[in-house]
């Protein structure tokens, strides 16, 4: 996604969150904080962005977000289950009401074609796979 398109998306999300008096937290693995950077590049984002967690290693996922060892050993770091726990952990460890979690493999030499995103909401966490680059 081009930088301008990403910034536009961050602005749109921010406007919706601000209108509803909601705050966002991010839990990122393979993106390494890229989502948080896009969000904080938007003027006024401090009104709707609480914090971001960069949890590249499994240890960081467990320590910072409370992802269970059992989930990681059973499903792996790149899974819907891990993304759900990352998103839930970001909510539990922040003052946000909305979170997004991204996990996958996207190294400099390539990676997995699918990354998982999960965003807990009023009815629980919903995850989905998505193709593409970081």
N, C-alpha and C. Protein backbone atom coordinates (compact mmCIF):
# COMPACT_ATOMS: atom_id res chain seq x y z
N UNK A 1 0.86 -1.17 0.00
CA UNK A 1 0.00 0.00 0.00
C UNK A 1 0.90 1.23 0.00
N UNK A 2 0.65 2.18 -0.88
CA UNK A 2 1.45 3.38 -0.97
C UNK A 2 1.31 4.20 0.31
N UNK A 3 2.35 4.94 0.64
CA UNK A 3 2.35 5.74 1.88
C UNK A 3 1.18 6.70 1.95
N UNK A 4 0.85 7.35 0.85
CA UNK A 4 -0.27 8.28 0.85
C UNK A 4 -1.59 7.57 1.13
N UNK A 5 -1.77 6.40 0.55
CA UNK A 5 -3.00 5.63 0.77
C UNK A 5 -3.07 5.17 2.23
N UNK A 6 -1.93 4.77 2.79
CA UNK A 6 -1.90 4.34 4.19
C UNK A 6 -2.23 5.51 5.13
N UNK A 7 -1.67 6.65 4.84
CA UNK A 7 -1.95 7.83 5.66
C UNK A 7 -3.43 8.22 5.55
N UNK A 8 -3.99 8.14 4.36
CA UNK A 8 -5.41 8.45 4.16
C UNK A 8 -6.28 7.48 4.96
N UNK A 9 -5.93 6.20 4.94
CA UNK A 9 -6.66 5.20 5.71
C UNK A 9 -6.56 5.51 7.21
N UNK A 10 -5.38 5.85 7.68
CA UNK A 10 -5.20 6.20 9.09
C UNK A 10 -6.06 7.41 9.46
N UNK A 11 -6.12 8.40 8.59
CA UNK A 11 -6.98 9.59 8.84
C UNK A 11 -8.45 9.19 8.95
N UNK A 12 -8.90 8.34 8.03
CA UNK A 12 -10.31 7.90 8.05
C UNK A 12 -10.64 7.11 9.31
N UNK A 13 -9.76 6.20 9.67
CA UNK A 13 -9.97 5.43 10.91
C UNK A 13 -9.98 6.37 12.10
N UNK A 14 -9.04 7.29 12.13
CA UNK A 14 -8.96 8.25 13.23
C UNK A 14 -10.21 9.10 13.37
N UNK A 15 -10.75 9.52 12.25
CA UNK A 15 -11.98 10.33 12.29
C UNK A 15 -13.14 9.53 12.87
N UNK A 16 -13.23 8.27 12.49
CA UNK A 16 -14.31 7.42 13.01
C UNK A 16 -14.14 7.16 14.51
N UNK A 17 -12.91 6.90 14.92
CA UNK A 17 -12.66 6.67 16.35
C UNK A 17 -12.95 7.93 17.17
N UNK A 18 -12.48 9.06 16.67
CA UNK A 18 -12.69 10.32 17.38
C UNK A 18 -14.18 10.63 17.52
N UNK A 19 -14.92 10.41 16.45
CA UNK A 19 -16.37 10.66 16.46
C UNK A 19 -17.07 9.83 17.53
N UNK A 20 -16.56 8.63 17.77
CA UNK A 20 -17.17 7.73 18.76
C UNK A 20 -16.48 7.79 20.12
N UNK A 21 -15.53 8.70 20.27
CA UNK A 21 -14.74 8.86 21.51
C UNK A 21 -14.05 7.55 21.90
N UNK A 22 -13.46 6.88 20.91
CA UNK A 22 -12.75 5.63 21.13
C UNK A 22 -11.26 5.82 20.90
N UNK A 23 -10.48 4.96 21.54
CA UNK A 23 -9.03 4.98 21.36
C UNK A 23 -8.57 3.66 20.78
N UNK A 24 -7.48 3.71 20.03
CA UNK A 24 -6.91 2.56 19.35
C UNK A 24 -5.59 2.16 19.98
N UNK A 25 -5.35 0.84 20.07
CA UNK A 25 -4.05 0.28 20.41
C UNK A 25 -3.66 -0.69 19.31
N UNK A 26 -2.38 -0.76 19.01
CA UNK A 26 -1.90 -1.70 18.00
C UNK A 26 -1.00 -2.73 18.65
N UNK A 27 -1.05 -3.94 18.12
CA UNK A 27 -0.16 -5.03 18.53
C UNK A 27 0.44 -5.59 17.25
N UNK A 28 1.69 -5.29 17.01
CA UNK A 28 2.31 -5.63 15.74
C UNK A 28 3.48 -6.58 15.91
N UNK A 29 3.59 -7.49 14.97
CA UNK A 29 4.74 -8.38 14.93
C UNK A 29 5.52 -8.10 13.65
N UNK A 30 5.12 -8.68 12.54
CA UNK A 30 5.89 -8.57 11.30
C UNK A 30 5.95 -7.15 10.73
N UNK A 31 5.04 -6.29 11.12
CA UNK A 31 5.06 -4.91 10.62
C UNK A 31 5.99 -4.02 11.44
N UNK A 32 6.45 -4.49 12.58
CA UNK A 32 7.48 -3.79 13.34
C UNK A 32 7.15 -2.36 13.75
N UNK A 33 5.89 -2.06 13.96
CA UNK A 33 5.51 -0.71 14.37
C UNK A 33 5.06 0.19 13.23
N UNK A 34 4.96 -0.37 12.04
CA UNK A 34 4.60 0.42 10.86
C UNK A 34 3.19 0.99 10.96
N UNK A 35 2.27 0.23 11.52
CA UNK A 35 0.90 0.73 11.66
C UNK A 35 0.88 1.91 12.64
N UNK A 36 1.56 1.75 13.77
CA UNK A 36 1.62 2.83 14.76
C UNK A 36 2.27 4.08 14.16
N UNK A 37 3.28 3.89 13.33
CA UNK A 37 3.94 5.04 12.68
C UNK A 37 2.98 5.75 11.75
N UNK A 38 2.20 4.99 10.98
CA UNK A 38 1.23 5.60 10.07
C UNK A 38 0.18 6.37 10.85
N UNK A 39 -0.27 5.80 11.95
CA UNK A 39 -1.30 6.44 12.77
C UNK A 39 -0.76 7.73 13.40
N UNK A 40 0.44 7.66 13.97
CA UNK A 40 0.98 8.84 14.65
C UNK A 40 1.45 9.93 13.69
N UNK A 41 1.52 9.62 12.41
CA UNK A 41 1.86 10.66 11.43
C UNK A 41 0.66 11.56 11.12
N UNK A 42 -0.52 11.17 11.60
CA UNK A 42 -1.74 11.95 11.37
C UNK A 42 -1.87 13.00 12.47
N UNK A 43 -2.01 14.22 12.07
CA UNK A 43 -2.18 15.31 13.03
C UNK A 43 -3.41 15.07 13.90
N UNK A 44 -3.25 15.21 15.20
CA UNK A 44 -4.36 15.02 16.12
C UNK A 44 -4.56 13.58 16.57
N UNK A 45 -3.66 12.68 16.16
CA UNK A 45 -3.83 11.27 16.52
C UNK A 45 -3.75 11.03 18.02
N UNK A 46 -3.17 11.93 18.76
CA UNK A 46 -3.11 11.74 20.22
C UNK A 46 -4.50 11.74 20.83
N UNK A 47 -5.48 12.23 20.11
CA UNK A 47 -6.85 12.22 20.58
C UNK A 47 -7.54 10.88 20.42
N UNK A 48 -6.96 9.98 19.64
CA UNK A 48 -7.63 8.69 19.40
C UNK A 48 -6.68 7.49 19.36
N UNK A 49 -5.38 7.72 19.51
CA UNK A 49 -4.42 6.62 19.56
C UNK A 49 -3.80 6.56 20.94
N UNK A 50 -3.90 5.39 21.59
CA UNK A 50 -3.37 5.24 22.93
C UNK A 50 -1.93 4.77 22.93
N UNK A 51 -1.66 3.64 22.29
CA UNK A 51 -0.31 3.09 22.31
C UNK A 51 -0.18 1.95 21.31
N UNK A 52 1.10 1.60 21.05
CA UNK A 52 1.39 0.47 20.19
C UNK A 52 2.37 -0.47 20.85
N UNK A 53 2.19 -1.74 20.60
CA UNK A 53 3.09 -2.79 21.09
C UNK A 53 3.77 -3.42 19.90
N UNK A 54 5.10 -3.45 19.89
CA UNK A 54 5.83 -4.16 18.86
C UNK A 54 6.36 -5.43 19.52
N UNK A 55 5.81 -6.55 19.12
CA UNK A 55 6.12 -7.83 19.75
C UNK A 55 6.61 -8.81 18.68
N UNK A 56 7.80 -8.59 18.24
CA UNK A 56 8.37 -9.38 17.15
C UNK A 56 8.66 -10.81 17.57
N UNK A 57 9.18 -10.99 18.77
CA UNK A 57 9.51 -12.34 19.24
C UNK A 57 8.33 -12.96 19.99
N UNK A 58 8.36 -14.27 20.10
CA UNK A 58 7.32 -14.96 20.88
C UNK A 58 7.39 -14.54 22.34
N UNK A 59 8.60 -14.32 22.85
CA UNK A 59 8.76 -13.89 24.24
C UNK A 59 8.07 -12.56 24.47
N UNK A 60 8.22 -11.64 23.53
CA UNK A 60 7.57 -10.33 23.65
C UNK A 60 6.05 -10.48 23.59
N UNK A 61 5.57 -11.35 22.74
CA UNK A 61 4.12 -11.58 22.66
C UNK A 61 3.59 -12.07 24.01
N UNK A 62 4.34 -12.97 24.64
CA UNK A 62 3.92 -13.50 25.94
C UNK A 62 4.04 -12.43 27.04
N UNK A 63 5.19 -11.77 27.11
CA UNK A 63 5.45 -10.82 28.19
C UNK A 63 4.61 -9.55 28.10
N UNK A 64 4.50 -8.98 26.92
CA UNK A 64 3.82 -7.69 26.77
C UNK A 64 2.33 -7.80 26.52
N UNK A 65 1.90 -8.90 25.88
CA UNK A 65 0.49 -9.02 25.49
C UNK A 65 -0.24 -10.18 26.16
N UNK A 66 0.49 -11.02 26.86
CA UNK A 66 -0.16 -12.14 27.53
C UNK A 66 -0.56 -13.28 26.61
N UNK A 67 0.07 -13.37 25.45
CA UNK A 67 -0.21 -14.52 24.57
C UNK A 67 0.27 -15.77 25.28
N UNK A 68 -0.56 -16.77 25.31
CA UNK A 68 -0.23 -18.00 26.04
C UNK A 68 0.77 -18.87 25.28
N UNK A 69 1.69 -19.46 26.01
CA UNK A 69 2.66 -20.40 25.44
C UNK A 69 1.93 -21.53 24.72
N UNK A 70 0.83 -21.97 25.30
CA UNK A 70 0.04 -23.06 24.72
C UNK A 70 -0.47 -22.67 23.32
N UNK A 71 -0.90 -21.43 23.17
CA UNK A 71 -1.38 -20.96 21.87
C UNK A 71 -0.25 -20.97 20.85
N UNK A 72 0.90 -20.46 21.25
CA UNK A 72 2.04 -20.40 20.35
C UNK A 72 2.53 -21.79 19.96
N UNK A 73 2.59 -22.71 20.93
CA UNK A 73 3.08 -24.05 20.61
C UNK A 73 2.06 -24.86 19.81
N UNK A 74 0.80 -24.62 20.05
CA UNK A 74 -0.25 -25.38 19.37
C UNK A 74 -0.54 -24.84 17.97
N UNK A 75 -0.57 -23.51 17.84
CA UNK A 75 -1.00 -22.89 16.57
C UNK A 75 0.10 -22.13 15.85
N UNK A 76 1.16 -21.76 16.56
CA UNK A 76 2.24 -20.99 15.97
C UNK A 76 2.00 -19.50 16.08
N UNK A 77 3.06 -18.74 15.88
CA UNK A 77 2.98 -17.28 15.98
C UNK A 77 2.14 -16.68 14.85
N UNK A 78 2.15 -17.33 13.69
CA UNK A 78 1.40 -16.82 12.55
C UNK A 78 0.09 -17.60 12.46
N UNK A 79 -0.87 -17.18 13.27
CA UNK A 79 -2.15 -17.87 13.31
C UNK A 79 -3.25 -16.93 13.77
N UNK A 80 -4.44 -17.28 13.43
CA UNK A 80 -5.62 -16.53 13.87
C UNK A 80 -5.68 -16.49 15.40
N UNK A 81 -5.40 -17.60 16.03
CA UNK A 81 -5.48 -17.69 17.48
C UNK A 81 -4.49 -16.74 18.16
N UNK A 82 -3.27 -16.69 17.64
CA UNK A 82 -2.27 -15.78 18.21
C UNK A 82 -2.68 -14.32 17.98
N UNK A 83 -3.16 -14.01 16.79
CA UNK A 83 -3.60 -12.64 16.50
C UNK A 83 -4.72 -12.22 17.43
N UNK A 84 -5.66 -13.13 17.70
CA UNK A 84 -6.75 -12.82 18.62
C UNK A 84 -6.23 -12.51 20.02
N UNK A 85 -5.30 -13.33 20.49
CA UNK A 85 -4.74 -13.09 21.82
C UNK A 85 -3.91 -11.82 21.87
N UNK A 86 -3.23 -11.50 20.78
CA UNK A 86 -2.48 -10.24 20.72
C UNK A 86 -3.43 -9.05 20.81
N UNK A 87 -4.52 -9.10 20.05
CA UNK A 87 -5.49 -8.00 20.05
C UNK A 87 -6.14 -7.85 21.42
N UNK A 88 -6.50 -8.99 22.04
CA UNK A 88 -7.11 -8.94 23.37
C UNK A 88 -6.11 -8.42 24.39
N UNK A 89 -4.86 -8.83 24.28
CA UNK A 89 -3.82 -8.35 25.19
C UNK A 89 -3.57 -6.86 25.06
N UNK A 90 -3.63 -6.35 23.85
CA UNK A 90 -3.45 -4.91 23.64
C UNK A 90 -4.57 -4.13 24.32
N UNK A 91 -5.78 -4.65 24.26
CA UNK A 91 -6.91 -4.00 24.95
C UNK A 91 -6.73 -4.06 26.46
N UNK A 92 -6.35 -5.23 26.97
CA UNK A 92 -6.22 -5.41 28.41
C UNK A 92 -5.09 -4.58 29.01
N UNK A 93 -4.08 -4.27 28.20
CA UNK A 93 -2.90 -3.56 28.69
C UNK A 93 -2.83 -2.12 28.21
N UNK A 94 -3.97 -1.58 27.85
CA UNK A 94 -4.02 -0.19 27.38
C UNK A 94 -5.30 0.46 27.87
N UNK A 95 -5.50 1.67 27.44
CA UNK A 95 -6.74 2.37 27.75
C UNK A 95 -7.61 2.49 26.50
N UNK A 96 -7.33 1.65 25.53
CA UNK A 96 -8.07 1.65 24.26
C UNK A 96 -9.29 0.75 24.34
N UNK A 97 -10.24 1.05 23.46
CA UNK A 97 -11.44 0.22 23.33
C UNK A 97 -11.42 -0.57 22.03
N UNK A 98 -10.48 -0.25 21.14
CA UNK A 98 -10.35 -0.90 19.85
C UNK A 98 -8.88 -1.25 19.66
N UNK A 99 -8.63 -2.44 19.13
CA UNK A 99 -7.24 -2.80 18.84
C UNK A 99 -7.16 -3.53 17.52
N UNK A 100 -5.96 -3.51 16.98
CA UNK A 100 -5.66 -4.31 15.79
C UNK A 100 -4.36 -5.02 16.06
N UNK A 101 -4.31 -6.30 15.69
CA UNK A 101 -3.10 -7.09 15.84
C UNK A 101 -2.72 -7.67 14.49
N UNK A 102 -1.43 -7.65 14.20
CA UNK A 102 -0.94 -8.19 12.94
C UNK A 102 0.22 -9.13 13.26
N UNK A 103 0.16 -10.32 12.72
CA UNK A 103 1.26 -11.26 12.85
C UNK A 103 1.45 -11.98 11.52
N UNK A 104 2.66 -12.34 11.24
CA UNK A 104 2.97 -13.00 9.98
C UNK A 104 4.47 -13.09 9.82
N UNK A 105 4.91 -13.50 8.66
CA UNK A 105 6.33 -13.55 8.34
C UNK A 105 6.52 -12.62 7.15
N UNK A 106 7.29 -11.58 7.35
CA UNK A 106 7.52 -10.61 6.27
C UNK A 106 8.93 -10.07 6.37
N UNK A 107 9.88 -10.95 6.24
CA UNK A 107 11.28 -10.54 6.35
C UNK A 107 11.81 -9.95 5.06
N UNK A 108 13.04 -9.49 5.12
CA UNK A 108 13.65 -8.88 3.93
C UNK A 108 13.84 -9.84 2.77
N UNK A 109 13.82 -11.15 3.04
CA UNK A 109 13.98 -12.15 1.99
C UNK A 109 12.66 -12.79 1.61
N UNK A 110 11.56 -12.16 1.94
CA UNK A 110 10.25 -12.72 1.63
C UNK A 110 9.55 -13.16 2.89
N UNK A 111 8.43 -13.80 2.74
CA UNK A 111 7.70 -14.24 3.91
C UNK A 111 6.48 -15.03 3.52
N UNK A 112 5.59 -15.17 4.48
CA UNK A 112 4.36 -15.91 4.23
C UNK A 112 3.40 -15.05 3.43
N UNK A 113 2.57 -15.67 2.60
CA UNK A 113 1.62 -14.91 1.81
C UNK A 113 0.42 -14.44 2.64
N UNK A 114 0.29 -14.93 3.87
CA UNK A 114 -0.86 -14.57 4.69
C UNK A 114 -0.41 -14.01 6.01
N UNK A 115 -1.03 -12.92 6.41
CA UNK A 115 -0.83 -12.35 7.73
C UNK A 115 -2.18 -12.31 8.40
N UNK A 116 -2.23 -12.49 9.70
CA UNK A 116 -3.50 -12.48 10.42
C UNK A 116 -3.68 -11.17 11.14
N UNK A 117 -4.89 -10.65 11.06
CA UNK A 117 -5.25 -9.46 11.81
C UNK A 117 -6.45 -9.80 12.67
N UNK A 118 -6.50 -9.27 13.86
CA UNK A 118 -7.66 -9.48 14.72
C UNK A 118 -7.97 -8.19 15.45
N UNK A 119 -9.22 -7.88 15.57
CA UNK A 119 -9.66 -6.70 16.29
C UNK A 119 -10.81 -7.07 17.21
N UNK A 120 -10.57 -7.09 18.52
CA UNK A 120 -11.68 -7.38 19.42
C UNK A 120 -12.69 -6.25 19.38
N UNK A 121 -13.93 -6.59 19.45
CA UNK A 121 -14.99 -5.60 19.50
C UNK A 121 -16.00 -6.02 20.55
N UNK A 122 -17.14 -5.43 20.53
CA UNK A 122 -18.17 -5.73 21.52
C UNK A 122 -18.56 -7.19 21.49
N UNK A 123 -18.51 -7.82 20.34
CA UNK A 123 -18.93 -9.22 20.24
C UNK A 123 -17.75 -10.18 20.26
N UNK A 124 -16.57 -9.72 20.61
CA UNK A 124 -15.40 -10.59 20.67
C UNK A 124 -14.43 -10.28 19.55
N UNK A 125 -13.45 -11.12 19.39
CA UNK A 125 -12.42 -10.88 18.39
C UNK A 125 -12.80 -11.51 17.07
N UNK A 126 -12.48 -10.80 16.02
CA UNK A 126 -12.69 -11.31 14.67
C UNK A 126 -11.36 -11.27 13.97
N UNK A 127 -10.95 -12.35 13.38
CA UNK A 127 -9.68 -12.39 12.69
C UNK A 127 -9.89 -12.67 11.22
N UNK A 128 -8.93 -12.26 10.43
CA UNK A 128 -9.00 -12.61 9.02
C UNK A 128 -7.60 -12.62 8.45
N UNK A 129 -7.42 -13.49 7.50
CA UNK A 129 -6.14 -13.55 6.81
C UNK A 129 -6.12 -12.51 5.71
N UNK A 130 -4.94 -12.04 5.42
CA UNK A 130 -4.84 -11.07 4.33
C UNK A 130 -3.54 -11.32 3.61
N UNK A 131 -3.59 -11.15 2.33
CA UNK A 131 -2.39 -11.34 1.51
C UNK A 131 -1.75 -10.01 1.27
N UNK A 132 -0.50 -10.06 0.92
CA UNK A 132 0.19 -8.82 0.56
C UNK A 132 1.46 -8.63 1.34
N UNK A 133 2.11 -7.53 1.08
CA UNK A 133 3.35 -7.22 1.77
C UNK A 133 3.05 -6.53 3.09
N UNK A 134 4.10 -6.18 3.79
CA UNK A 134 3.93 -5.53 5.07
C UNK A 134 2.93 -4.42 4.97
